[in-house]
Every structure is written in structure tokens, then in C-alpha cells.
């Protein structure tokens, strides 16, 4: 790419027509080189006072409003407990391959903090755990024995929300289970129970929080019964007889992220209700591996939000 062409592109990089041309015609390595040159030129114009002002005003770079030592101990409790229950902890990179959320999921790339060199800042650790699960399961020939992972990770989300306690970056605890279809929804029933049991154990027994409710949303097909939902509901009613299960239905077209069903935990605390856990089944590992027999369950809890509420920070 000549200097004159590069200068022209940098000068007009905000024009939609030029952006479309760049996306279609430049190889990833060429685009990365161009962006690196843009950032280099921008930083040459930044003064130290401007840098300080950027730090003061940019919501993505502000420190978290937590006690880091107390919060790390809180994270360790969750990681150690999960490992005892068969989830292998992973320390993930702060970066993911570009498109980790938008390629196999339904998240728009504008909600992700994209970077150079073919990367983006991690916005959802479960996508990373899906990639790792797929690589390891493919290397082992897609065995019947599932892989169970957990991670405590700091996410960055580009969209601004006005919800209490929301910040651009925040701590999350995630669980994933990757395996294969063994018939009769056995994988789905066993592993959703495994995930919910861990959350209930930590919240009820370790933190003495009893006012919890399981939510189960059926993502109904266009015709016929949702057999996955029916099988999972029966399983949860048997395994957790003392916990209220709130059931709702939504057309399949109304929820593109999860497949078949979505589950969660509602937490009542000091007169407020927090949807603290969210999870469900996706086709991510099927898409990544090309193996339609693969099954994947992911879930997560807003660990930093939980810590803040328990410690009177929200």
C-alpha cells in the first residue's frame, strides 16, 4: 500500500463507502497494518494533559469500585468450590479472536471492544470456553465424557446501560459443559442440574442467601412440543423440590441466543430482585467443529454485582 493511498484512507476513514471498500478488499494483515498506522499517528498528537483528561473521562478505563483483596478472596471461593464439583478452572486471556461473540452468536460487533491484530477484548468468557472446549474435544475424538470448565473473568462491554451497579468492565463467574448427544436429552438434563446445583450451593450454603427462585423459559418451536424443555423441567422439579421454579414460554423466533430453553436464578435481597444467573444451550460448538452431535451449556453469574450488593456497594 503506497504512502499516498494510506494517507488518503487515514484522512477519510470515517466515510461509510470507504469503510465498506476496506472491509471487502483489504486482507486482514493489510487492514491491521493500516489501523496500527492510524493509532500511531493519533498517539503522536496526544499531549500528557490530554492523556490525563482521557483517563478521567473514559468509562472503559476507570478502576472498579471494589476492594481488590476481598473480591479476589470471593473469586477464589467460587473457583475452589467449582473445582471440587468437577469444573476445571481456566485463566483466560483478556483478548479473544475477532468475532468470538458475533460469528457464532447473535451479538452485534458494535457491542464489543474490537482491537487490532485480529483480536477483540473479551466480552463473554463462555465464548472463549467454547473455543477451548472445541479444540480439546476435537483432539480427543469428541469423547462421550463431557468437559466442564469454569472461569472468573473481567468482561468489557461497549454498550452503556443505566442499570444500578453497571460499569463498562465487571467481574463474572462462568461455567460451561461441552459433550455429545447421548439421546433422551441426557446431557442437557444432567448438566443443567450440575450448573444450578453449584450456584445454589454457593449462594445458599456459603452465603446464607435463601430467597432464590429458578427461572425456566421455554423457547417454543413453531409447531409441536418442546421436549427438551419438558425433560429439563421434570428433572429440575425432581432434583430441587424445595426451590420455586418460575416457568414462561417464548416463541423460538423471540430468542436467537439460546436454543430450546433459557434458565436463570432470581435473587431477592433487601426488597430488590436481581436476575443474578443466566444460562442456556447454544450451538456454538456445533458450528465451530462441524459436528452436529456436540452439545454445549453455558451459564454465568454477575459475581462483582453479587459482591457489591452483599457489601452494600449498590
Protein backbone atom coordinates (compact mmCIF):
# COMPACT_ATOMS: atom_id res chain seq x y z
CA UNK A 1 0.00 0.00 0.00
CA UNK A 2 1.60 3.28 -1.07
CA UNK A 3 2.08 6.18 1.33
CA UNK A 4 -0.29 8.41 -0.67
CA UNK A 5 -3.07 5.81 -0.65
CA UNK A 6 -2.51 5.19 3.05
CA UNK A 7 -2.70 8.91 3.78
CA UNK A 8 -5.94 9.20 1.79
CA UNK A 9 -7.50 6.29 3.68
CA UNK A 10 -6.48 7.68 7.04
CA UNK A 11 -7.88 11.09 6.14
CA UNK A 12 -11.25 9.71 5.04
CA UNK A 13 -11.51 6.63 7.28
CA UNK A 14 -14.85 7.73 8.73
CA UNK A 15 -16.71 7.64 5.41
CA UNK A 16 -19.09 4.63 5.16
CA UNK A 17 -18.29 3.95 1.49
CA UNK A 18 -14.57 3.77 2.19
CA UNK A 19 -15.10 1.53 5.21
CA UNK A 20 -17.06 -0.92 3.05
CA UNK A 21 -14.27 -0.95 0.45
CA UNK A 22 -11.63 -1.57 3.11
CA UNK A 23 -13.59 -4.43 4.64
CA UNK A 24 -14.08 -6.14 1.28
CA UNK A 25 -10.72 -5.57 -0.41
CA UNK A 26 -8.04 -5.48 2.28
CA UNK A 27 -6.58 -8.66 3.66
CA UNK A 28 -6.68 -8.89 7.48
CA UNK A 29 -2.93 -8.29 7.69
CA UNK A 30 -3.21 -5.18 5.48
CA UNK A 31 -6.11 -3.81 7.49
CA UNK A 32 -4.23 -4.44 10.72
CA UNK A 33 -1.20 -2.58 9.39
CA UNK A 34 -3.41 0.33 8.38
CA UNK A 35 -5.06 0.53 11.79
CA UNK A 36 -1.70 0.36 13.54
CA UNK A 37 -0.55 3.32 11.46
CA UNK A 38 -3.75 5.24 12.31
CA UNK A 39 -3.25 4.64 16.03
CA UNK A 40 0.42 5.54 15.80
CA UNK A 41 -0.42 8.87 14.18
CA UNK A 42 -3.14 9.56 16.73
CA UNK A 43 -0.84 8.94 19.68
CA UNK A 44 1.75 11.31 18.19
CA UNK A 45 -0.80 14.10 18.65
CA UNK A 46 -1.78 13.31 22.26
CA UNK A 47 -0.26 15.51 24.94
CA UNK A 48 0.25 14.39 28.58
CA UNK A 49 -2.60 16.69 29.81
CA UNK A 50 -4.89 15.24 27.11
CA UNK A 51 -3.93 11.74 28.24
CA UNK A 52 -4.87 12.59 31.82
CA UNK A 53 -8.19 14.00 30.65
CA UNK A 54 -8.87 10.83 28.65
CA UNK A 55 -8.19 8.71 31.73
CA UNK A 56 -10.55 10.86 33.77
CA UNK A 57 -13.39 10.77 31.25
CA UNK A 58 -13.21 7.38 29.51
CA UNK A 59 -15.58 4.93 31.23
CA UNK A 60 -13.67 1.93 29.87
CA UNK A 61 -10.51 2.67 31.86
CA UNK A 62 -11.84 3.60 35.32
CA UNK A 63 -10.86 1.34 38.25
CA UNK A 64 -13.52 -0.97 39.62
CA UNK A 65 -15.29 0.20 42.80
CA UNK A 66 -14.32 -2.89 44.79
CA UNK A 67 -11.86 -3.92 47.49
CA UNK A 68 -9.49 -5.96 45.29
CA UNK A 69 -8.25 -8.24 48.09
CA UNK A 70 -11.73 -9.04 49.40
CA UNK A 71 -13.03 -9.54 45.88
CA UNK A 72 -10.15 -11.89 44.95
CA UNK A 73 -10.96 -13.99 48.01
CA UNK A 74 -14.58 -14.05 46.84
CA UNK A 75 -13.48 -15.23 43.38
CA UNK A 76 -11.27 -17.91 44.92
CA UNK A 77 -14.20 -19.27 46.91
CA UNK A 78 -16.18 -19.75 43.70
CA UNK A 79 -13.26 -21.24 41.76
CA UNK A 80 -12.26 -23.66 44.51
CA UNK A 81 -15.84 -24.79 45.07
CA UNK A 82 -16.36 -25.30 41.33
CA UNK A 83 -13.18 -27.36 41.06
CA UNK A 84 -14.37 -29.62 43.89
CA UNK A 85 -17.55 -30.22 41.88
CA UNK A 86 -15.71 -31.20 38.70
CA UNK A 87 -15.26 -27.89 36.84
CA UNK A 88 -11.69 -27.24 35.72
CA UNK A 89 -10.69 -23.59 36.30
CA UNK A 90 -9.04 -21.79 33.37
CA UNK A 91 -7.20 -18.46 33.43
CA UNK A 92 -8.26 -16.91 30.14
CA UNK A 93 -6.54 -14.26 28.07
CA UNK A 94 -8.00 -10.73 28.25
CA UNK A 95 -8.23 -10.92 24.44
CA UNK A 96 -10.29 -13.14 22.15
CA UNK A 97 -10.14 -13.77 18.39
CA UNK A 98 -12.01 -11.09 16.46
CA UNK A 99 -15.63 -12.18 16.05
CA UNK A 100 -15.72 -14.51 19.06
CA UNK A 101 -19.16 -13.24 20.08
CA UNK A 102 -20.67 -12.20 16.76
CA UNK A 103 -19.64 -15.09 14.48
CA UNK A 104 -21.29 -17.98 16.37
CA UNK A 105 -23.68 -15.90 18.48
CA UNK A 106 -26.09 -13.06 17.84
CA UNK A 107 -24.18 -10.21 19.49
CA UNK A 108 -23.52 -7.22 17.21
CA UNK A 109 -19.84 -6.37 16.87
CA UNK A 110 -20.60 -2.77 17.88
CA UNK A 111 -21.20 -4.04 21.43
CA UNK A 112 -17.68 -5.46 21.53
CA UNK A 113 -14.44 -3.53 22.03
CA UNK A 114 -12.64 -4.55 18.84
CA UNK A 115 -8.84 -4.37 18.70
CA UNK A 116 -6.04 -4.83 16.17
CA UNK A 117 -4.04 -7.94 15.23
CA UNK A 118 -7.23 -9.95 14.74
CA UNK A 119 -8.45 -9.62 18.32
CA UNK A 120 -11.17 -8.15 20.49
CA UNK A 121 -11.41 -7.58 24.24
CA UNK A 122 -13.23 -10.46 25.93
CA UNK A 123 -16.91 -9.57 26.37
CA UNK A 124 -18.13 -13.08 27.22
CA UNK A 125 -15.81 -15.69 28.70
CA UNK A 126 -18.18 -18.51 27.78
CA UNK A 127 -17.35 -17.94 24.10
CA UNK A 128 -13.68 -18.46 24.94
CA UNK A 129 -14.52 -21.60 26.92
CA UNK A 130 -16.49 -22.87 23.92
CA UNK A 131 -13.42 -22.40 21.71
CA UNK A 132 -11.17 -24.16 24.21
CA UNK A 133 -13.70 -26.98 24.66
CA UNK A 134 -13.97 -27.49 20.91
CA UNK A 135 -10.20 -27.67 20.43
CA UNK A 136 -9.69 -30.17 23.26
CA UNK A 137 -12.68 -32.33 22.38
CA UNK A 138 -11.71 -32.49 18.71
CA UNK A 139 -8.15 -33.50 19.68
CA UNK A 140 -9.61 -36.35 21.79
CA UNK A 141 -12.02 -37.51 19.06
CA UNK A 142 -15.18 -36.00 20.60
CA UNK A 143 -15.48 -38.42 23.55
CA UNK A 144 -18.72 -39.18 25.37
CA UNK A 145 -17.27 -37.81 28.62
CA UNK A 146 -18.09 -34.09 28.86
CA UNK A 147 -15.62 -31.29 29.57
CA UNK A 148 -16.55 -28.95 32.41
CA UNK A 149 -14.79 -25.58 32.71
CA UNK A 150 -15.11 -22.54 34.94
CA UNK A 151 -13.54 -19.10 34.86
CA UNK A 152 -13.61 -15.88 36.83
CA UNK A 153 -13.03 -13.15 34.29
CA UNK A 154 -13.33 -9.38 33.84
CA UNK A 155 -15.61 -8.61 30.90
CA UNK A 156 -15.71 -5.41 28.85
CA UNK A 157 -18.96 -4.40 27.14
CA UNK A 158 -19.20 -1.43 24.78
CA UNK A 159 -22.89 -0.63 25.24
CA UNK A 160 -23.78 1.82 28.02
CA UNK A 161 -26.58 0.79 30.39
CA UNK A 162 -28.23 2.81 33.13
CA UNK A 163 -28.80 -0.13 35.45
CA UNK A 164 -27.63 0.29 39.07
CA UNK A 165 -24.13 -1.07 39.54
CA UNK A 166 -23.40 -1.34 35.81
CA UNK A 167 -19.88 -0.48 34.69
CA UNK A 168 -18.09 -0.87 31.37
CA UNK A 169 -15.94 -3.66 32.82
CA UNK A 170 -17.07 -6.08 35.52
CA UNK A 171 -16.27 -9.44 37.08
CA UNK A 172 -18.21 -12.54 36.06
CA UNK A 173 -18.01 -16.20 37.07
CA UNK A 174 -18.81 -18.65 34.26
CA UNK A 175 -19.49 -22.37 33.92
CA UNK A 176 -19.52 -24.42 30.72
CA UNK A 177 -20.17 -28.06 29.90
CA UNK A 178 -19.33 -29.49 26.48
CA UNK A 179 -20.22 -33.01 25.44
CA UNK A 180 -22.13 -35.03 22.89
CA UNK A 181 -25.73 -36.02 22.37
CA UNK A 182 -26.33 -39.38 24.05
CA UNK A 183 -30.08 -39.50 23.49
CA UNK A 184 -33.18 -38.64 25.53
CA UNK A 185 -31.68 -35.23 26.44
CA UNK A 186 -29.44 -36.93 28.96
CA UNK A 187 -26.59 -34.45 28.50
CA UNK A 188 -28.94 -31.49 28.82
CA UNK A 189 -30.76 -32.76 31.90
CA UNK A 190 -27.64 -33.84 33.78
CA UNK A 191 -25.59 -30.74 33.13
CA UNK A 192 -28.19 -28.07 33.72
CA UNK A 193 -28.70 -29.76 37.09
CA UNK A 194 -24.93 -29.67 37.68
CA UNK A 195 -24.76 -25.92 36.97
CA UNK A 196 -27.77 -24.97 39.08
CA UNK A 197 -26.65 -27.17 41.98
CA UNK A 198 -23.31 -25.34 42.15
CA UNK A 199 -24.93 -21.89 42.16
CA UNK A 200 -27.45 -22.90 44.82
CA UNK A 201 -24.74 -24.48 46.97
CA UNK A 202 -22.63 -21.33 46.94
CA UNK A 203 -25.49 -18.88 47.37
CA UNK A 204 -27.49 -20.82 49.95
CA UNK A 205 -24.88 -22.67 51.99
CA UNK A 206 -21.79 -20.49 51.65
CA UNK A 207 -23.54 -17.09 51.68
CA UNK A 208 -26.76 -17.87 53.52
CA UNK A 209 -28.97 -16.42 50.78
CA UNK A 210 -32.21 -18.40 50.82
CA UNK A 211 -34.62 -16.24 48.81
CA UNK A 212 -33.85 -17.73 45.39
CA UNK A 213 -36.04 -18.81 42.51
CA UNK A 214 -35.17 -20.85 39.42
CA UNK A 215 -36.49 -19.39 36.16
CA UNK A 216 -37.01 -21.65 33.17
CA UNK A 217 -38.04 -20.17 29.84
CA UNK A 218 -39.23 -22.47 27.05
CA UNK A 219 -38.16 -21.30 23.60
CA UNK A 220 -41.05 -22.99 21.83
CA UNK A 221 -40.75 -24.38 18.28
CA UNK A 222 -43.15 -23.24 15.59
CA UNK A 223 -45.08 -26.49 15.91
CA UNK A 224 -45.11 -29.41 18.31
CA UNK A 225 -43.99 -29.72 21.91
CA UNK A 226 -40.66 -28.52 23.31
CA UNK A 227 -39.45 -31.93 24.50
CA UNK A 228 -36.14 -30.53 25.76
CA UNK A 229 -37.95 -28.05 28.00
CA UNK A 230 -40.34 -30.70 29.29
CA UNK A 231 -37.50 -33.10 30.12
CA UNK A 232 -35.42 -30.43 31.86
CA UNK A 233 -38.40 -29.11 33.85
CA UNK A 234 -39.17 -32.61 35.12
CA UNK A 235 -35.51 -33.10 36.06
CA UNK A 236 -35.30 -29.82 37.99
CA UNK A 237 -38.58 -30.44 39.84
CA UNK A 238 -37.17 -33.78 40.98
CA UNK A 239 -33.69 -32.53 41.91
CA UNK A 240 -34.73 -29.26 43.63
CA UNK A 241 -38.10 -29.91 45.28
CA UNK A 242 -37.65 -27.07 47.78
CA UNK A 243 -36.97 -24.36 45.20
CA UNK A 244 -39.71 -22.50 43.35
CA UNK A 245 -39.44 -22.82 39.57
CA UNK A 246 -40.96 -19.99 37.55
CA UNK A 247 -41.92 -21.15 34.05
CA UNK A 248 -42.55 -19.00 30.99
CA UNK A 249 -42.84 -19.52 27.23
CA UNK A 250 -41.45 -17.55 24.31
CA UNK A 251 -41.58 -18.30 20.58
CA UNK A 252 -38.30 -19.65 19.24
CA UNK A 253 -38.03 -16.61 16.97
CA UNK A 254 -38.11 -14.31 20.01
CA UNK A 255 -34.78 -15.56 21.38
CA UNK A 256 -31.92 -16.20 18.97
CA UNK A 257 -29.11 -16.53 21.52
CA UNK A 258 -30.09 -19.77 23.29
CA UNK A 259 -31.61 -22.92 21.80
CA UNK A 260 -34.55 -24.78 23.33
CA UNK A 261 -34.58 -23.09 26.70
CA UNK A 262 -33.04 -20.45 28.92
CA UNK A 263 -32.58 -20.75 32.67
CA UNK A 264 -31.65 -18.38 35.45
CA UNK A 265 -31.77 -17.62 39.15
CA UNK A 266 -33.68 -14.70 40.65
CA UNK A 267 -32.31 -13.41 43.94
CA UNK A 268 -34.37 -11.37 46.39
CA UNK A 269 -32.29 -9.16 48.67
CA UNK A 270 -33.41 -6.23 50.83
CA UNK A 271 -36.61 -5.77 48.84
CA UNK A 272 -34.85 -5.83 45.46
CA UNK A 273 -34.87 -8.54 42.79
CA UNK A 274 -31.68 -9.39 40.90
CA UNK A 275 -31.59 -11.76 37.88
CA UNK A 276 -28.21 -12.92 39.11
CA UNK A 277 -27.65 -16.08 36.99
CA UNK A 278 -28.28 -16.62 33.28
CA UNK A 279 -27.61 -19.65 31.10
CA UNK A 280 -28.76 -21.99 28.38
CA UNK A 281 -27.82 -24.22 25.48
CA UNK A 282 -26.21 -22.92 22.29
CA UNK A 283 -24.98 -24.38 19.01
CA UNK A 284 -21.53 -22.77 19.32
CA UNK A 285 -19.50 -25.99 19.49
CA UNK A 286 -21.57 -27.49 16.68
CA UNK A 287 -20.77 -24.51 14.47
CA UNK A 288 -17.09 -24.44 15.45
CA UNK A 289 -16.48 -28.17 14.98
CA UNK A 290 -18.98 -29.01 12.23
CA UNK A 291 -20.14 -31.89 14.45
CA UNK A 292 -23.91 -31.78 14.94
CA UNK A 293 -23.74 -34.30 17.79
CA UNK A 294 -21.90 -31.81 20.02
CA UNK A 295 -23.79 -30.15 22.86
CA UNK A 296 -22.83 -27.04 24.84
CA UNK A 297 -24.25 -25.48 28.00
CA UNK A 298 -23.01 -22.16 29.35
CA UNK A 299 -24.02 -20.08 32.34
CA UNK A 300 -22.73 -17.17 34.34
CA UNK A 301 -23.29 -15.12 37.46
CA UNK A 302 -22.61 -11.43 37.90
CA UNK A 303 -20.02 -12.05 40.58
CA UNK A 304 -18.94 -8.44 41.01
CA UNK A 305 -22.56 -7.29 41.25
CA UNK A 306 -23.22 -10.00 43.84
CA UNK A 307 -20.19 -8.91 45.88
CA UNK A 308 -21.21 -5.24 45.69
CA UNK A 309 -24.77 -5.97 46.85
CA UNK A 310 -23.61 -8.20 49.71
CA UNK A 311 -21.16 -5.50 50.81
CA UNK A 312 -23.53 -2.55 50.47
CA UNK A 313 -21.83 -1.04 47.39
CA UNK A 314 -25.00 -0.92 45.24
